[in-house]
Amino acid sequence: MLRIFIHDQVPVTSFVLEGKLVGPWVKELEKSWESALASYPSRMMLVDLADVSFIDSDGRALLARMREKGARLLSTGVLINAIVAEIDTEHQIRQSHEVNT
């Protein structure tokens, strides 16, 4: 189970997640994020993963897409920190390749 709390406060839309980002909950987060992006395309998006205990491969892929679109990922805990660090590293590598080409 995953709880998704959305806080729309200028200048940031925050998604506070609690639980496991797995299975059907990935689609729910994706819908919420896409809706927020459509409503506020220039607003900063923040994903708070402090209370997330597990992320499956689909959840990780969604977080990577969110990061590519400019979302900031906040995390605590060894497992989630490692996933976020990996996503950030991949994002930085892609950005440096775009600059160099």
Protein backbone atom coordinates (compact mmCIF):
# COMPACT_ATOMS: atom_id res chain seq x y z
CA MET A 1 0.00 0.00 0.00
CA LEU A 2 1.08 3.54 -0.73
CA ARG A 3 -0.31 6.79 0.58
CA ILE A 4 0.15 9.83 -1.62
CA PHE A 5 -0.25 13.28 -0.14
CA ILE A 6 -0.08 16.19 -2.56
CA HIS A 7 0.68 19.69 -1.29
CA ASP A 8 0.17 22.43 -3.88
CA GLN A 9 1.90 25.44 -2.44
CA VAL A 10 3.55 28.05 -4.61
CA PRO A 11 6.33 27.69 -5.72
CA VAL A 12 6.45 23.89 -5.14
CA THR A 13 4.11 20.95 -5.58
CA SER A 14 5.14 18.25 -3.12
CA PHE A 15 4.29 14.57 -3.30
CA VAL A 16 4.73 12.99 0.12
CA LEU A 17 4.76 9.20 -0.16
CA GLU A 18 4.27 6.65 2.62
CA GLY A 19 4.56 2.90 2.16
CA LYS A 20 5.72 0.85 -0.81
CA LEU A 21 6.02 2.26 -4.32
CA VAL A 22 5.05 -0.95 -6.12
CA GLY A 23 2.54 -2.39 -8.57
CA PRO A 24 -0.67 -0.40 -9.06
CA TRP A 25 0.53 2.37 -6.74
CA VAL A 26 3.15 3.35 -9.33
CA LYS A 27 0.35 4.12 -11.80
CA GLU A 28 -1.51 6.14 -9.16
CA LEU A 29 1.57 8.27 -8.51
CA GLU A 30 2.15 8.66 -12.24
CA LYS A 31 -1.43 9.90 -12.77
CA SER A 32 -1.10 12.38 -9.91
CA TRP A 33 2.24 13.63 -11.20
CA GLU A 34 1.02 14.00 -14.80
CA SER A 35 -2.04 15.89 -13.58
CA ALA A 36 0.12 18.26 -11.53
CA LEU A 37 2.48 18.76 -14.49
CA ALA A 38 -0.44 19.60 -16.77
CA SER A 39 -1.85 22.08 -14.25
CA TYR A 40 1.46 23.68 -13.24
CA PRO A 41 4.06 22.99 -15.95
CA SER A 42 6.59 25.50 -14.63
CA ARG A 43 6.22 24.70 -10.94
CA MET A 44 8.99 22.83 -9.13
CA MET A 45 7.99 19.27 -8.17
CA LEU A 46 9.31 17.60 -5.05
CA VAL A 47 8.93 13.90 -4.21
CA ASP A 48 9.40 13.14 -0.52
CA LEU A 49 10.38 9.48 -0.12
CA ALA A 50 11.28 9.67 3.59
CA ASP A 51 8.52 7.24 4.57
CA VAL A 52 8.88 4.86 1.62
CA SER A 53 10.09 1.41 2.63
CA PHE A 54 10.45 -0.24 -0.80
CA ILE A 55 10.51 0.70 -4.49
CA ASP A 56 10.07 -1.90 -7.25
CA SER A 57 11.53 -1.59 -10.76
CA ASP A 58 8.44 0.17 -12.15
CA GLY A 59 8.54 2.63 -9.26
CA ARG A 60 12.21 3.26 -9.86
CA ALA A 61 11.56 3.85 -13.57
CA LEU A 62 8.81 6.36 -12.74
CA LEU A 63 11.07 8.20 -10.30
CA ALA A 64 13.76 8.35 -13.00
CA ARG A 65 11.24 9.86 -15.47
CA MET A 66 10.13 12.34 -12.84
CA ARG A 67 13.75 13.29 -12.20
CA GLU A 68 14.35 13.74 -15.94
CA LYS A 69 11.42 16.18 -16.01
CA GLY A 70 12.99 18.19 -13.18
CA ALA A 71 11.43 16.71 -10.05
CA ARG A 72 13.58 16.74 -6.96
CA LEU A 73 13.75 13.48 -4.98
CA LEU A 74 14.20 13.58 -1.20
CA SER A 75 14.98 10.41 0.71
CA THR A 76 16.20 8.93 3.96
CA GLY A 77 17.30 5.41 4.77
CA VAL A 78 20.01 3.35 3.16
CA LEU A 79 17.94 1.54 0.51
CA ILE A 80 15.95 4.53 -0.72
CA ASN A 81 19.00 6.82 -0.58
CA ALA A 82 20.88 4.35 -2.78
CA ILE A 83 18.07 4.27 -5.34
CA VAL A 84 17.80 8.06 -5.43
CA ALA A 85 21.60 8.43 -5.71
CA GLU A 86 21.62 6.00 -8.65
CA ILE A 87 18.80 7.92 -10.38
CA ASP A 88 20.60 11.24 -9.81
CA THR A 89 23.87 9.85 -11.18
CA GLU A 90 22.15 8.55 -14.31
CA HIS A 91 20.44 11.93 -14.73
CA GLN A 92 23.76 13.79 -14.45
CA ILE A 93 25.40 11.46 -16.97
CA ARG A 94 22.58 12.02 -19.46
CA GLN A 95 22.82 15.78 -18.99
CA SER A 96 26.58 15.80 -19.54
CA HIS A 97 26.16 13.74 -22.74
CA GLU A 98 23.57 16.23 -23.99
CA VAL A 99 25.91 19.15 -23.32
CA ASN A 100 28.82 17.43 -25.05
CA THR A 101 26.88 16.53 -28.20
